[in-house]
Amino acid sequence: MIAETVCSAVSAAGLGIAAVTAYRKRFLTAARIAAYSLVPIGLVMTGVVEWLADTAFSPVAWAGFGVLGVSWVLFMTTRAVERRRGGTRKEARAAARRDAVAPGASAPSLGAGSRPAAEPASRPAKASRGGDDDFSDIEAILKKHGI
């Protein structure tokens, strides 16, 4: 009962301020103030204020808010643990796939140790041919990524 009275008084005061603002020839601002001042009385007329008052004094409603709080705490705790472990399951699966596809992708698999020493000597010969040098770089990149 008191909540409805307070909302009615707030609406009446807001409409009075809107009237004074309109008198000062600030019609757009007056219309906005009138719109805001009609909200509390509209909430009273639709029954929202009564529902809120019943909810505020209901022990079941407060227990529900407590359950929602516990749920939120659990959710945030699991998110923190997930971040500490290094990501979600989806990210862990993606990392496992990366390792399974090319575990040594950063180091080319050339075989014996004599071949890498011979490769720098052959590069100037490839460079003298012209267009083949561009394709050899691309081939090296593709081999590095396992393609």
N, C-alpha and C. Protein backbone atom coordinates (compact mmCIF):
# COMPACT_ATOMS: atom_id res chain seq x y z
N MET A 1 0.82 -1.19 0.00
CA MET A 1 0.00 0.00 0.00
C MET A 1 0.87 1.26 0.00
N ILE A 2 1.92 1.24 0.81
CA ILE A 2 2.77 2.43 0.89
C ILE A 2 3.59 2.59 -0.39
N ALA A 3 3.96 1.47 -1.02
CA ALA A 3 4.75 1.54 -2.25
C ALA A 3 3.94 2.21 -3.36
N GLU A 4 2.64 1.90 -3.42
CA GLU A 4 1.79 2.53 -4.44
C GLU A 4 1.66 4.03 -4.20
N THR A 5 1.58 4.43 -2.94
CA THR A 5 1.48 5.85 -2.61
C THR A 5 2.76 6.59 -2.98
N VAL A 6 3.90 5.98 -2.68
CA VAL A 6 5.18 6.61 -3.00
C VAL A 6 5.33 6.75 -4.52
N CYS A 7 4.97 5.71 -5.26
CA CYS A 7 5.08 5.77 -6.72
C CYS A 7 4.15 6.84 -7.29
N SER A 8 2.97 6.97 -6.74
CA SER A 8 2.05 8.00 -7.21
C SER A 8 2.60 9.39 -6.92
N ALA A 9 3.20 9.58 -5.75
CA ALA A 9 3.77 10.88 -5.41
C ALA A 9 4.96 11.21 -6.32
N VAL A 10 5.80 10.22 -6.60
CA VAL A 10 6.93 10.44 -7.50
C VAL A 10 6.44 10.84 -8.89
N SER A 11 5.41 10.18 -9.36
CA SER A 11 4.85 10.51 -10.68
C SER A 11 4.26 11.91 -10.69
N ALA A 12 3.56 12.27 -9.65
CA ALA A 12 2.96 13.61 -9.59
C ALA A 12 4.05 14.68 -9.54
N ALA A 13 5.11 14.43 -8.78
CA ALA A 13 6.21 15.40 -8.71
C ALA A 13 6.91 15.51 -10.06
N GLY A 14 7.09 14.40 -10.73
CA GLY A 14 7.73 14.43 -12.05
C GLY A 14 6.90 15.18 -13.07
N LEU A 15 5.59 14.99 -13.02
CA LEU A 15 4.73 15.72 -13.95
C LEU A 15 4.74 17.22 -13.64
N GLY A 16 4.85 17.58 -12.35
CA GLY A 16 4.97 18.99 -11.99
C GLY A 16 6.26 19.59 -12.53
N ILE A 17 7.36 18.87 -12.42
CA ILE A 17 8.64 19.35 -12.95
C ILE A 17 8.56 19.47 -14.46
N ALA A 18 7.88 18.53 -15.12
CA ALA A 18 7.72 18.59 -16.57
C ALA A 18 6.91 19.80 -16.98
N ALA A 19 5.90 20.14 -16.18
CA ALA A 19 5.09 21.33 -16.49
C ALA A 19 5.92 22.60 -16.37
N VAL A 20 6.75 22.69 -15.33
CA VAL A 20 7.61 23.86 -15.17
C VAL A 20 8.62 23.95 -16.32
N THR A 21 9.14 22.82 -16.73
CA THR A 21 10.11 22.79 -17.83
C THR A 21 9.43 23.21 -19.13
N ALA A 22 8.20 22.77 -19.36
CA ALA A 22 7.47 23.16 -20.56
C ALA A 22 7.15 24.66 -20.53
N TYR A 23 6.88 25.20 -19.35
CA TYR A 23 6.62 26.63 -19.22
C TYR A 23 7.85 27.45 -19.63
N ARG A 24 9.05 26.88 -19.42
CA ARG A 24 10.29 27.57 -19.80
C ARG A 24 10.64 27.33 -21.26
N LYS A 25 9.72 26.78 -22.03
CA LYS A 25 9.85 26.56 -23.47
C LYS A 25 10.93 25.53 -23.83
N ARG A 26 11.09 24.54 -22.97
CA ARG A 26 12.00 23.42 -23.25
C ARG A 26 11.13 22.17 -23.38
N PHE A 27 10.42 22.12 -24.52
CA PHE A 27 9.38 21.11 -24.69
C PHE A 27 9.94 19.69 -24.82
N LEU A 28 11.07 19.53 -25.49
CA LEU A 28 11.65 18.21 -25.65
C LEU A 28 12.07 17.63 -24.29
N THR A 29 12.70 18.45 -23.49
CA THR A 29 13.11 18.02 -22.15
C THR A 29 11.89 17.76 -21.28
N ALA A 30 10.86 18.58 -21.41
CA ALA A 30 9.62 18.40 -20.63
C ALA A 30 8.95 17.08 -21.00
N ALA A 31 8.93 16.76 -22.28
CA ALA A 31 8.31 15.50 -22.70
C ALA A 31 9.10 14.31 -22.16
N ARG A 32 10.41 14.42 -22.15
CA ARG A 32 11.23 13.33 -21.62
C ARG A 32 11.00 13.16 -20.12
N ILE A 33 10.93 14.25 -19.38
CA ILE A 33 10.67 14.19 -17.93
C ILE A 33 9.29 13.59 -17.67
N ALA A 34 8.31 13.97 -18.47
CA ALA A 34 6.96 13.43 -18.31
C ALA A 34 6.94 11.92 -18.56
N ALA A 35 7.71 11.49 -19.56
CA ALA A 35 7.78 10.05 -19.86
C ALA A 35 8.37 9.29 -18.68
N TYR A 36 9.46 9.81 -18.14
CA TYR A 36 10.07 9.14 -16.98
C TYR A 36 9.15 9.17 -15.76
N SER A 37 8.42 10.24 -15.57
CA SER A 37 7.57 10.34 -14.39
C SER A 37 6.33 9.46 -14.49
N LEU A 38 5.95 9.05 -15.67
CA LEU A 38 4.79 8.16 -15.81
C LEU A 38 5.14 6.69 -15.59
N VAL A 39 6.41 6.36 -15.57
CA VAL A 39 6.83 4.96 -15.39
C VAL A 39 6.40 4.41 -14.02
N PRO A 40 6.64 5.09 -12.90
CA PRO A 40 6.23 4.51 -11.61
C PRO A 40 4.73 4.24 -11.50
N ILE A 41 3.92 5.16 -11.97
CA ILE A 41 2.47 4.95 -11.87
C ILE A 41 2.03 3.82 -12.81
N GLY A 42 2.72 3.68 -13.93
CA GLY A 42 2.42 2.57 -14.84
C GLY A 42 2.77 1.23 -14.21
N LEU A 43 3.88 1.18 -13.48
CA LEU A 43 4.27 -0.05 -12.79
C LEU A 43 3.26 -0.41 -11.69
N VAL A 44 2.73 0.61 -11.02
CA VAL A 44 1.71 0.36 -9.99
C VAL A 44 0.45 -0.20 -10.64
N MET A 45 0.05 0.39 -11.75
CA MET A 45 -1.19 -0.02 -12.40
C MET A 45 -1.10 -1.43 -13.00
N THR A 46 0.08 -1.85 -13.42
CA THR A 46 0.22 -3.20 -13.99
C THR A 46 0.41 -4.26 -12.92
N GLY A 47 0.71 -3.89 -11.69
CA GLY A 47 0.86 -4.86 -10.62
C GLY A 47 2.30 -5.27 -10.37
N VAL A 48 3.24 -4.67 -11.06
CA VAL A 48 4.65 -5.02 -10.89
C VAL A 48 5.13 -4.62 -9.50
N VAL A 49 4.70 -3.49 -9.01
CA VAL A 49 5.14 -3.02 -7.70
C VAL A 49 4.64 -3.96 -6.61
N GLU A 50 3.40 -4.43 -6.72
CA GLU A 50 2.86 -5.37 -5.73
C GLU A 50 3.64 -6.69 -5.77
N TRP A 51 3.95 -7.15 -6.97
CA TRP A 51 4.72 -8.39 -7.11
C TRP A 51 6.11 -8.23 -6.49
N LEU A 52 6.75 -7.07 -6.73
CA LEU A 52 8.07 -6.83 -6.15
C LEU A 52 8.00 -6.76 -4.63
N ALA A 53 6.95 -6.14 -4.10
CA ALA A 53 6.80 -6.05 -2.65
C ALA A 53 6.58 -7.44 -2.05
N ASP A 54 5.77 -8.27 -2.72
CA ASP A 54 5.57 -9.63 -2.23
C ASP A 54 6.86 -10.44 -2.30
N THR A 55 7.66 -10.21 -3.33
CA THR A 55 8.92 -10.93 -3.48
C THR A 55 9.93 -10.48 -2.43
N ALA A 56 9.96 -9.19 -2.14
CA ALA A 56 10.94 -8.66 -1.19
C ALA A 56 10.73 -9.19 0.22
N PHE A 57 9.51 -9.51 0.58
CA PHE A 57 9.23 -9.98 1.93
C PHE A 57 8.96 -11.48 1.99
N SER A 58 9.30 -12.20 0.95
CA SER A 58 9.08 -13.64 0.91
C SER A 58 10.37 -14.40 1.19
N PRO A 59 10.37 -15.28 2.20
CA PRO A 59 11.58 -16.06 2.50
C PRO A 59 11.94 -17.01 1.35
N VAL A 60 10.95 -17.51 0.65
CA VAL A 60 11.23 -18.41 -0.48
C VAL A 60 11.97 -17.66 -1.58
N ALA A 61 11.57 -16.42 -1.82
CA ALA A 61 12.23 -15.62 -2.84
C ALA A 61 13.69 -15.35 -2.46
N TRP A 62 13.93 -15.06 -1.20
CA TRP A 62 15.31 -14.82 -0.75
C TRP A 62 16.14 -16.09 -0.81
N ALA A 63 15.53 -17.23 -0.52
CA ALA A 63 16.24 -18.51 -0.67
C ALA A 63 16.59 -18.74 -2.14
N GLY A 64 15.69 -18.37 -3.03
CA GLY A 64 15.96 -18.47 -4.46
C GLY A 64 17.13 -17.60 -4.87
N PHE A 65 17.19 -16.38 -4.33
CA PHE A 65 18.34 -15.51 -4.61
C PHE A 65 19.63 -16.12 -4.07
N GLY A 66 19.55 -16.78 -2.92
CA GLY A 66 20.72 -17.46 -2.36
C GLY A 66 21.19 -18.59 -3.26
N VAL A 67 20.25 -19.37 -3.79
CA VAL A 67 20.60 -20.46 -4.71
C VAL A 67 21.24 -19.89 -5.98
N LEU A 68 20.69 -18.81 -6.48
CA LEU A 68 21.30 -18.16 -7.65
C LEU A 68 22.71 -17.67 -7.35
N GLY A 69 22.94 -17.16 -6.14
CA GLY A 69 24.28 -16.72 -5.74
C GLY A 69 25.26 -17.87 -5.68
N VAL A 70 24.83 -18.99 -5.11
CA VAL A 70 25.70 -20.17 -5.04
C VAL A 70 26.01 -20.66 -6.45
N SER A 71 25.03 -20.64 -7.31
CA SER A 71 25.23 -21.05 -8.70
C SER A 71 26.26 -20.16 -9.38
N TRP A 72 26.16 -18.86 -9.15
CA TRP A 72 27.10 -17.92 -9.76
C TRP A 72 28.52 -18.16 -9.23
N VAL A 73 28.65 -18.39 -7.92
CA VAL A 73 29.98 -18.65 -7.33
C VAL A 73 30.58 -19.92 -7.92
N LEU A 74 29.79 -20.97 -8.06
CA LEU A 74 30.29 -22.21 -8.65
C LEU A 74 30.73 -22.00 -10.10
N PHE A 75 29.94 -21.27 -10.84
CA PHE A 75 30.28 -20.99 -12.23
C PHE A 75 31.60 -20.23 -12.33
N MET A 76 31.77 -19.21 -11.52
CA MET A 76 33.00 -18.41 -11.57
C MET A 76 34.20 -19.22 -11.10
N THR A 77 34.01 -20.10 -10.12
CA THR A 77 35.10 -20.95 -9.66
C THR A 77 35.56 -21.90 -10.75
N THR A 78 34.61 -22.52 -11.43
CA THR A 78 35.00 -23.43 -12.51
C THR A 78 35.69 -22.68 -13.64
N ARG A 79 35.28 -21.47 -13.92
CA ARG A 79 35.95 -20.68 -14.95
C ARG A 79 37.39 -20.35 -14.55
N ALA A 80 37.60 -20.03 -13.27
CA ALA A 80 38.94 -19.72 -12.79
C ALA A 80 39.84 -20.94 -12.87
N VAL A 81 39.32 -22.11 -12.48
CA VAL A 81 40.11 -23.34 -12.56
C VAL A 81 40.42 -23.67 -14.01
N GLU A 82 39.46 -23.47 -14.88
CA GLU A 82 39.65 -23.74 -16.31
C GLU A 82 40.75 -22.86 -16.88
N ARG A 83 40.77 -21.60 -16.51
CA ARG A 83 41.83 -20.69 -16.98
C ARG A 83 43.19 -21.10 -16.44
N ARG A 84 43.22 -21.54 -15.19
CA ARG A 84 44.49 -21.92 -14.58
C ARG A 84 45.06 -23.17 -15.23
N ARG A 85 44.20 -24.09 -15.63
CA ARG A 85 44.67 -25.32 -16.28
C ARG A 85 45.12 -25.09 -17.71
N GLY A 86 44.73 -24.01 -18.29
CA GLY A 86 45.20 -23.72 -19.64
C GLY A 86 44.12 -23.76 -20.70
N GLY A 87 42.91 -23.51 -20.36
CA GLY A 87 41.89 -23.38 -21.37
C GLY A 87 40.77 -24.39 -21.26
N THR A 88 39.89 -24.33 -22.23
CA THR A 88 38.72 -25.18 -22.25
C THR A 88 39.04 -26.52 -22.89
N ARG A 89 38.10 -27.42 -22.87
CA ARG A 89 38.30 -28.72 -23.52
C ARG A 89 38.52 -28.54 -25.01
N LYS A 90 37.83 -27.60 -25.58
CA LYS A 90 37.96 -27.34 -27.01
C LYS A 90 39.39 -26.92 -27.35
N GLU A 91 39.96 -26.05 -26.53
CA GLU A 91 41.35 -25.62 -26.75
C GLU A 91 42.32 -26.77 -26.53
N ALA A 92 42.04 -27.64 -25.55
CA ALA A 92 42.92 -28.79 -25.29
C ALA A 92 42.88 -29.76 -26.47
N ARG A 93 41.69 -29.98 -27.04
CA ARG A 93 41.60 -30.85 -28.21
C ARG A 93 42.34 -30.27 -29.39
N ALA A 94 42.24 -28.96 -29.58
CA ALA A 94 42.94 -28.31 -30.69
C ALA A 94 44.45 -28.44 -30.50
N ALA A 95 44.94 -28.31 -29.27
CA ALA A 95 46.37 -28.45 -29.02
C ALA A 95 46.81 -29.90 -29.26
N ALA A 96 45.98 -30.85 -28.88
CA ALA A 96 46.32 -32.26 -29.11
C ALA A 96 46.38 -32.56 -30.60
N ARG A 97 45.48 -31.97 -31.37
CA ARG A 97 45.51 -32.18 -32.82
C ARG A 97 46.75 -31.57 -33.43
N ARG A 98 47.14 -30.40 -32.95
CA ARG A 98 48.35 -29.76 -33.49
C ARG A 98 49.56 -30.64 -33.23
N ASP A 99 49.65 -31.22 -32.02
CA ASP A 99 50.78 -32.07 -31.69
C ASP A 99 50.74 -33.37 -32.48
N ALA A 100 49.54 -33.89 -32.74
CA ALA A 100 49.43 -35.16 -33.46
C ALA A 100 49.76 -34.98 -34.94
N VAL A 101 49.42 -33.84 -35.50
CA VAL A 101 49.65 -33.63 -36.93
C VAL A 101 51.12 -33.41 -37.22
N ALA A 102 51.75 -32.54 -36.51
CA ALA A 102 53.15 -32.20 -36.80
C ALA A 102 53.90 -31.90 -35.51
N PRO A 103 54.31 -32.93 -34.76
CA PRO A 103 54.99 -32.66 -33.50
C PRO A 103 56.34 -31.98 -33.70
N GLY A 104 57.03 -32.26 -34.80
CA GLY A 104 58.33 -31.64 -35.03
C GLY A 104 58.27 -30.70 -36.22
N ALA A 105 57.19 -29.94 -36.34
CA ALA A 105 57.02 -29.10 -37.52
C ALA A 105 58.04 -27.98 -37.58
N SER A 106 58.59 -27.58 -36.45
CA SER A 106 59.54 -26.48 -36.48
C SER A 106 60.90 -26.91 -37.00
N ALA A 107 61.22 -28.21 -36.93
CA ALA A 107 62.50 -28.69 -37.43
C ALA A 107 62.26 -29.58 -38.65
N PRO A 108 62.86 -29.27 -39.78
CA PRO A 108 62.62 -30.11 -40.97
C PRO A 108 63.26 -31.48 -40.80
N SER A 109 62.59 -32.49 -41.32
CA SER A 109 63.12 -33.85 -41.23
C SER A 109 63.95 -34.12 -42.48
N LEU A 110 65.26 -33.92 -42.38
CA LEU A 110 66.16 -34.05 -43.52
C LEU A 110 66.94 -35.35 -43.51
N GLY A 111 66.86 -36.09 -42.45
CA GLY A 111 67.58 -37.35 -42.41
C GLY A 111 68.93 -37.19 -41.75
N ALA A 112 70.00 -37.63 -42.43
CA ALA A 112 71.35 -37.62 -41.87
C ALA A 112 71.86 -36.19 -41.71
N GLY A 113 72.93 -36.05 -40.90
CA GLY A 113 73.47 -34.73 -40.59
C GLY A 113 74.25 -34.11 -41.73
N SER A 114 74.62 -34.86 -42.76
CA SER A 114 75.44 -34.30 -43.84
C SER A 114 74.61 -33.48 -44.80
N ARG A 115 73.34 -33.76 -44.92
CA ARG A 115 72.51 -33.05 -45.89
C ARG A 115 72.29 -31.58 -45.54
N PRO A 116 72.03 -31.17 -44.29
CA PRO A 116 71.85 -29.74 -44.02
C PRO A 116 73.10 -28.93 -44.32
N ALA A 117 74.27 -29.49 -44.17
CA ALA A 117 75.49 -28.75 -44.48
C ALA A 117 75.61 -28.53 -45.98
N ALA A 118 75.12 -29.45 -46.80
CA ALA A 118 75.22 -29.32 -48.24
C ALA A 118 74.18 -28.36 -48.79
N GLU A 119 73.09 -28.16 -48.08
CA GLU A 119 72.02 -27.32 -48.59
C GLU A 119 72.42 -25.85 -48.74
N PRO A 120 73.14 -25.22 -47.79
CA PRO A 120 73.50 -23.82 -47.99
C PRO A 120 74.41 -23.64 -49.20
N ALA A 121 75.21 -24.60 -49.54
CA ALA A 121 76.07 -24.48 -50.70
C ALA A 121 75.26 -24.56 -51.98
N SER A 122 74.14 -25.26 -51.97
CA SER A 122 73.35 -25.38 -53.18
C SER A 122 72.41 -24.19 -53.38
N ARG A 123 72.19 -23.39 -52.38
CA ARG A 123 71.31 -22.24 -52.52
C ARG A 123 71.81 -21.22 -53.53
N PRO A 124 73.07 -20.87 -53.58
CA PRO A 124 73.48 -19.90 -54.60
C PRO A 124 73.24 -20.43 -56.01
N ALA A 125 73.34 -21.72 -56.21
CA ALA A 125 73.09 -22.27 -57.53
C ALA A 125 71.62 -22.12 -57.89
N LYS A 126 70.71 -22.31 -56.91
CA LYS A 126 69.28 -22.13 -57.17
C LYS A 126 68.97 -20.67 -57.44
N ALA A 127 69.64 -19.78 -56.75
CA ALA A 127 69.38 -18.36 -56.93
C ALA A 127 69.79 -17.91 -58.31
N SER A 128 70.79 -18.53 -58.89
CA SER A 128 71.23 -18.11 -60.21
C SER A 128 70.24 -18.52 -61.28
N ARG A 129 69.40 -19.53 -60.99
CA ARG A 129 68.41 -19.94 -61.99
C ARG A 129 67.26 -18.96 -62.11
N GLY A 130 67.01 -18.16 -61.11
CA GLY A 130 65.99 -17.13 -61.25
C GLY A 130 64.68 -17.51 -60.57
N GLY A 131 63.66 -17.93 -61.33
CA GLY A 131 62.31 -18.16 -60.85
C GLY A 131 62.18 -19.35 -59.92
N ASP A 132 63.08 -20.33 -59.96
CA ASP A 132 62.98 -21.50 -59.11
C ASP A 132 63.18 -21.17 -57.64
N ASP A 133 63.90 -20.09 -57.34
CA ASP A 133 64.15 -19.70 -55.96
C ASP A 133 62.85 -19.37 -55.23
N ASP A 134 61.91 -18.71 -55.89
CA ASP A 134 60.65 -18.36 -55.27
C ASP A 134 59.87 -19.62 -54.90
N PHE A 135 59.86 -20.59 -55.77
CA PHE A 135 59.12 -21.81 -55.50
C PHE A 135 59.79 -22.66 -54.43
N SER A 136 61.10 -22.61 -54.32
CA SER A 136 61.78 -23.39 -53.29
C SER A 136 61.45 -22.84 -51.90
N ASP A 137 61.31 -21.53 -51.79
CA ASP A 137 60.91 -20.95 -50.50
C ASP A 137 59.50 -21.41 -50.13
N ILE A 138 58.63 -21.42 -51.11
CA ILE A 138 57.26 -21.84 -50.85
C ILE A 138 57.24 -23.32 -50.47
N GLU A 139 58.02 -24.15 -51.18
CA GLU A 139 58.09 -25.57 -50.86
C GLU A 139 58.61 -25.79 -49.44
N ALA A 140 59.61 -25.00 -49.06
CA ALA A 140 60.16 -25.14 -47.69
C ALA A 140 59.12 -24.80 -46.64
N ILE A 141 58.33 -23.78 -46.90
CA ILE A 141 57.28 -23.39 -45.95
C ILE A 141 56.23 -24.48 -45.86
N LEU A 142 55.84 -25.03 -47.01
CA LEU A 142 54.83 -26.09 -47.00
C LEU A 142 55.36 -27.34 -46.30
N LYS A 143 56.61 -27.69 -46.50
CA LYS A 143 57.20 -28.83 -45.83
C LYS A 143 57.27 -28.61 -44.32
N LYS A 144 57.55 -27.37 -43.94
CA LYS A 144 57.64 -27.05 -42.53
C LYS A 144 56.29 -27.27 -41.83
N HIS A 145 55.21 -26.97 -42.53
CA HIS A 145 53.87 -27.14 -41.96
C HIS A 145 53.28 -28.52 -42.24
N GLY A 146 54.06 -29.39 -42.84
CA GLY A 146 53.62 -30.77 -43.04
C GLY A 146 52.64 -30.94 -44.20
N ILE A 147 52.70 -30.05 -45.16
CA ILE A 147 51.80 -30.15 -46.31
C ILE A 147 52.55 -30.66 -47.51
